[in-house]
Protein backbone atom coordinates (compact mmCIF):
# COMPACT_ATOMS: atom_id res chain seq x y z
CA MET A 1 -22.30 4.94 3.44
CA VAL A 2 -19.71 5.69 0.28
CA LEU A 3 -16.42 6.10 2.80
CA VAL A 4 -13.38 8.01 1.89
CA LYS A 5 -10.28 6.95 4.27
CA ILE A 6 -7.66 9.89 3.62
CA GLY A 7 -4.28 9.54 5.25
CA CYS A 8 -0.25 9.55 4.56
CA CYS A 9 2.41 7.35 3.94
CA GLY A 10 4.02 7.72 7.07
CA PHE A 11 2.73 9.80 10.23
CA ALA A 12 5.15 13.15 8.60
CA ARG A 13 4.37 15.12 12.38
CA SER A 14 4.39 13.47 15.77
CA ARG A 15 2.21 10.07 16.10
CA ALA A 16 0.09 12.41 18.69
CA ARG A 17 -0.53 15.40 16.77
CA TYR A 18 -1.09 12.69 13.50
CA TYR A 19 -3.75 10.73 15.60
CA ASN A 20 -5.60 13.65 16.54
CA GLU A 21 -5.82 14.58 12.53
CA PHE A 22 -6.71 11.73 10.95
CA LYS A 23 -8.32 8.11 11.00
CA VAL A 24 -5.66 6.18 8.93
CA VAL A 25 -1.69 5.57 7.95
CA GLU A 26 0.00 3.44 6.01
CA LEU A 27 3.05 2.45 8.18
CA GLN A 28 6.48 2.81 6.03
CA ASN A 29 8.97 1.36 8.82
CA THR A 30 7.49 -2.03 8.00
CA PHE A 31 9.24 -1.72 4.35
CA TYR A 32 12.64 -0.73 5.92
CA ASP A 33 13.10 -2.94 8.85
CA LEU A 34 10.94 -5.47 10.99
CA PRO A 35 9.60 -3.31 13.87
CA LYS A 36 10.05 -4.85 17.14
CA ARG A 37 6.82 -6.32 18.89
CA GLU A 38 7.14 -3.95 21.59
CA LEU A 39 6.90 -1.00 18.85
CA VAL A 40 3.90 -2.48 17.31
CA GLU A 41 2.16 -2.95 20.51
CA LYS A 42 2.50 0.37 21.87
CA LEU A 43 1.53 1.97 18.22
CA ARG A 44 -1.92 -0.29 18.66
CA SER A 45 -2.41 0.72 22.20
CA GLU A 46 -1.75 4.51 22.28
CA ALA A 47 -3.84 5.10 18.46
CA PRO A 48 -7.30 5.92 18.93
CA SER A 49 -9.24 2.65 18.71
CA ASP A 50 -10.81 3.48 16.19
CA PHE A 51 -7.53 4.30 14.04
CA GLU A 52 -6.71 2.12 11.60
CA PHE A 53 -3.61 1.12 10.47
CA THR A 54 -2.44 -0.32 6.94
CA VAL A 55 0.63 -1.97 6.39
CA LYS A 56 3.38 -1.48 3.48
CA ALA A 57 4.90 -5.30 3.41
CA TRP A 58 8.62 -5.96 4.37
CA GLN A 59 10.97 -5.06 1.26
CA VAL A 60 12.37 -7.94 1.19
CA ILE A 61 9.26 -9.58 -0.33
CA THR A 62 9.24 -7.16 -3.25
CA HIS A 63 12.61 -5.94 -3.65
CA PRO A 64 16.06 -7.93 -4.13
CA SER A 65 18.86 -8.01 -2.20
CA SER A 66 20.71 -5.76 -4.68
CA SER A 67 18.43 -3.26 -4.32
CA PRO A 68 19.53 0.37 -2.99
CA THR A 69 16.58 0.36 -0.26
CA TRP A 70 18.77 -3.09 1.06
CA LYS A 71 21.30 -1.18 2.48
CA LYS A 72 18.41 0.87 4.82
CA MET A 73 18.08 -2.27 6.97
CA ARG A 74 19.79 -2.29 10.27
CA SER A 75 19.81 -6.33 10.16
CA LYS A 76 19.88 -8.61 7.22
CA PRO A 77 17.14 -11.46 6.85
CA GLY A 78 18.23 -14.93 7.23
CA GLY A 79 18.39 -17.80 4.48
CA ASN A 80 19.46 -17.29 1.32
CA LEU A 81 19.13 -13.91 -0.14
CA GLU A 82 19.01 -14.67 -3.76
CA ASN A 83 15.24 -15.74 -3.04
CA TYR A 84 14.48 -13.25 -1.64
CA GLY A 85 12.11 -10.35 -3.39
CA TYR A 86 10.43 -9.93 -6.95
CA LEU A 87 7.09 -11.63 -5.14
CA LYS A 88 8.92 -15.02 -5.45
CA PRO A 89 7.13 -18.09 -3.69
CA THR A 90 10.13 -19.13 -1.93
CA ASP A 91 10.22 -20.01 1.58
CA GLU A 92 12.20 -16.96 2.32
CA ASN A 93 9.68 -14.56 1.02
CA ILE A 94 6.84 -16.89 2.82
CA LYS A 95 8.29 -16.84 6.14
CA ALA A 96 8.95 -13.01 5.76
CA PHE A 97 5.42 -12.32 4.79
CA GLU A 98 4.61 -14.28 7.97
CA ASN A 99 6.79 -12.04 9.90
CA ILE A 100 4.45 -9.01 8.66
CA LEU A 101 0.89 -11.08 9.55
CA GLU A 102 2.19 -10.53 12.97
CA ILE A 103 2.29 -7.47 13.12
CA MET A 104 -1.07 -6.60 10.80
CA TYR A 105 -2.25 -9.31 13.82
CA ILE A 106 -1.30 -6.82 16.54
CA LEU A 107 -2.53 -3.98 14.78
CA ASN A 108 -5.87 -5.15 13.97
CA SER A 109 -4.49 -4.42 10.42
CA LYS A 110 -6.94 -5.27 7.16
CA ILE A 111 -4.44 -4.25 4.67
CA VAL A 112 -1.11 -4.69 3.44
CA VAL A 113 0.43 -3.20 0.26
CA LEU A 114 3.08 -5.15 -1.82
CA GLN A 115 5.03 -2.73 -3.93
CA THR A 116 7.11 -4.07 -6.39
CA PRO A 117 10.30 -2.00 -8.13
CA ALA A 118 10.14 -1.21 -12.04
CA SER A 119 12.90 -3.82 -12.01
CA MET A 120 10.43 -6.62 -11.42
CA PRO A 121 11.23 -8.78 -14.91
CA PHE A 122 7.73 -9.84 -16.65
CA ASN A 123 7.78 -13.07 -18.29
CA GLU A 124 6.63 -16.88 -18.32
CA GLU A 125 8.88 -17.52 -15.34
CA SER A 126 7.62 -14.89 -13.28
CA ILE A 127 4.11 -14.93 -14.29
CA VAL A 128 4.16 -18.77 -12.94
CA TRP A 129 5.97 -17.48 -9.33
CA VAL A 130 3.68 -14.33 -9.00
CA LYS A 131 0.62 -16.67 -9.05
CA LYS A 132 2.14 -19.14 -6.98
CA PHE A 133 3.09 -16.31 -4.41
CA PHE A 134 -0.03 -15.05 -4.18
CA SER A 135 -1.68 -18.46 -4.06
CA GLU A 136 0.47 -18.75 -1.06
CA VAL A 137 0.19 -16.25 0.86
CA LYS A 138 -3.56 -16.04 0.87
CA ASN A 139 -3.58 -19.67 1.86
CA ILE A 140 -1.59 -18.46 5.46
CA SER A 141 -3.88 -15.11 5.63
CA SER A 142 -6.88 -14.63 7.50
CA ARG A 143 -10.02 -13.93 5.42
CA GLU A 144 -10.10 -10.82 6.57
CA ILE A 145 -6.86 -9.86 5.15
CA ILE A 146 -6.85 -7.82 2.28
CA VAL A 147 -3.49 -8.12 -0.02
CA GLY A 148 -2.26 -5.12 -2.27
CA TRP A 149 -0.19 -4.90 -5.18
CA GLU A 150 1.36 -2.15 -6.79
CA PRO A 151 3.70 -2.88 -9.50
CA ARG A 152 5.75 -0.50 -11.19
CA GLY A 153 7.40 -1.20 -14.87
CA ARG A 154 6.48 -3.63 -17.35
CA TRP A 155 3.87 -5.18 -15.01
CA ALA A 156 1.97 -2.17 -14.13
CA GLU A 157 1.27 -1.95 -18.07
CA GLU A 158 0.43 -5.49 -18.90
CA THR A 159 -2.85 -4.99 -17.99
CA ASP A 160 -4.38 -7.67 -19.57
CA THR A 161 -2.02 -10.30 -17.63
CA LEU A 162 -2.39 -8.12 -14.19
CA LYS A 163 -5.52 -8.03 -14.58
CA ASP A 164 -6.26 -11.90 -14.63
CA ILE A 165 -3.45 -12.41 -11.63
CA LEU A 166 -5.84 -10.09 -9.42
CA ALA A 167 -8.59 -11.69 -10.42
CA GLU A 168 -7.94 -14.90 -10.41
CA HIS A 169 -5.87 -14.65 -6.58
CA ASN A 170 -8.52 -11.78 -5.49
CA VAL A 171 -5.61 -9.30 -4.79
CA LEU A 172 -5.82 -5.61 -4.44
CA HIS A 173 -4.96 -3.59 -7.37
CA VAL A 174 -2.78 -0.48 -5.92
CA THR A 175 -2.40 2.54 -8.48
CA ASP A 176 -1.88 6.12 -8.01
CA LEU A 177 -5.28 7.38 -9.40
CA PHE A 178 -4.02 10.03 -11.65
CA LYS A 179 -1.83 7.09 -13.58
CA ARG A 180 -3.81 4.39 -13.47
CA THR A 181 -7.24 3.14 -12.90
CA PRO A 182 -8.02 -0.04 -10.32
CA LEU A 183 -8.40 -3.72 -12.20
CA HIS A 184 -9.55 -5.43 -9.13
CA ASN A 185 -10.93 -3.85 -6.00
CA PRO A 186 -12.06 -7.01 -3.86
CA GLU A 187 -14.61 -6.18 -1.32
CA GLY A 188 -15.29 -2.64 -2.88
CA ILE A 189 -12.20 -0.83 -2.01
CA VAL A 190 -10.51 1.37 -3.92
CA TYR A 191 -6.79 2.11 -2.18
CA SER A 192 -4.60 4.52 -4.01
CA ARG A 193 -1.27 5.57 -3.14
CA LEU A 194 -0.42 9.52 -4.78
CA HIS A 195 3.64 10.13 -5.30
CA GLY A 196 3.38 13.69 -6.76
CA ILE A 197 2.13 14.20 -10.62
CA GLY A 198 4.86 15.05 -13.17
CA HIS A 199 7.36 12.48 -15.51
CA GLY A 200 7.65 9.09 -14.31
CA GLU A 201 6.24 7.14 -11.28
CA VAL A 202 7.08 9.43 -8.26
CA ASN A 203 7.36 13.09 -7.84
CA TYR A 204 7.68 13.58 -4.39
CA ARG A 205 8.64 17.34 -4.41
CA TYR A 206 5.19 17.93 -5.92
CA LYS A 207 2.27 19.69 -4.14
CA TYR A 208 -1.31 18.98 -4.90
CA ASN A 209 -3.06 22.03 -5.60
CA VAL A 210 -7.33 22.41 -6.15
CA GLU A 211 -7.31 21.96 -9.87
CA ASP A 212 -5.63 18.61 -8.91
CA PHE A 213 -8.54 18.02 -6.14
CA GLU A 214 -11.18 18.34 -8.52
CA LYS A 215 -9.78 16.08 -10.81
CA LEU A 216 -9.21 12.95 -8.23
CA TYR A 217 -12.82 14.30 -7.04
CA LYS A 218 -14.45 13.52 -10.71
CA ILE A 219 -12.10 10.14 -10.98
CA LEU A 220 -13.41 9.23 -7.25
CA SER A 221 -17.28 9.90 -8.84
CA ASP A 222 -16.89 8.15 -11.58
CA LEU A 223 -15.53 4.87 -9.45
CA ARG A 224 -17.76 2.02 -7.50
CA PHE A 225 -16.81 1.55 -4.32
CA ASP A 226 -17.85 0.91 -0.58
CA THR A 227 -14.38 2.92 0.79
CA ALA A 228 -12.08 4.35 -0.85
CA TYR A 229 -8.22 4.88 0.61
CA ILE A 230 -6.47 7.98 -0.75
CA MET A 231 -2.87 7.90 0.82
CA PHE A 232 -0.55 10.78 -0.08
CA ASN A 233 2.99 10.10 -0.34
CA ASN A 234 5.14 13.01 -1.00
CA ILE A 235 6.35 15.93 0.74
CA TYR A 236 3.59 18.10 1.50
CA MET A 237 1.46 14.56 2.46
CA TYR A 238 0.52 16.01 5.86
CA ASP A 239 -0.67 19.35 4.72
CA ASP A 240 -2.14 17.64 1.13
CA ALA A 241 -4.25 15.53 2.81
CA LYS A 242 -6.04 18.15 5.11
CA ARG A 243 -6.38 20.34 2.38
CA PHE A 244 -8.00 17.28 0.36
CA ARG A 245 -9.84 15.99 3.35
CA GLU A 246 -11.37 19.65 3.53
CA PHE A 247 -12.15 20.12 -0.05
CA LEU A 248 -13.71 16.80 0.04
CA ARG A 249 -16.33 17.18 2.99
CA GLU A 250 -17.74 19.93 0.80
CA LYS A 251 -18.61 18.39 -2.12
CA SER A 252 -21.65 15.56 -1.78
CA GLY A 253 -21.82 11.94 -2.45
CA PHE A 254 -19.26 10.62 0.15
CA THR A 255 -18.71 10.57 3.61
CA VAL A 256 -15.23 11.59 4.47
CA LEU A 257 -12.69 10.88 7.23
């Protein structure tokens, strides 16, 4: 059975309404601030037993303290702020990843998405530290955890180096399928975050149309996978996800959730 799970990056509507409509969500509040344990437990208990949470990793792991997104944090993490971000294998980053793992275990989540910014340097030093980072986080994660990476900027373009790192550490390549073909899909998983079509990495105001759905269907048909996650991340994500799900259900070849 080839399965396609469709959802949104964030709830987009009330949680109760979302649970009734979709079977998967990528949590976004885990990126800006670590949610309290009580909230995480509430999310798991209120959601249907077959509902899946994927998790966007805390920004302190992927973005440096100079990033504008840090300004949205209610409380800054401890330690040396210079040691955070860019997947550096520092004690601070590893501890932050451990905090994300704790959330995932409560939610019974298996996929975590590390989205690094275009400003992340690509050089010999960063190649070494990225390899060490993935080696360390893999060692502290249970076998069920799938670590996904969505690089932007130079890292996304250096496909030979990227592919080698993904394969060496069995890291899931997270992409926008309209822009890039994934280079490594452990356990037969494809994970795509759709940020809108247009110039640059994101165009959140874009609304997907039937022609886009036809193209995405062809892309999926040409890929080999067991389970694909199609996660919309635009202003119209709730409606676009519903529309694509209904579109895909009329096609053959996939079981669609």
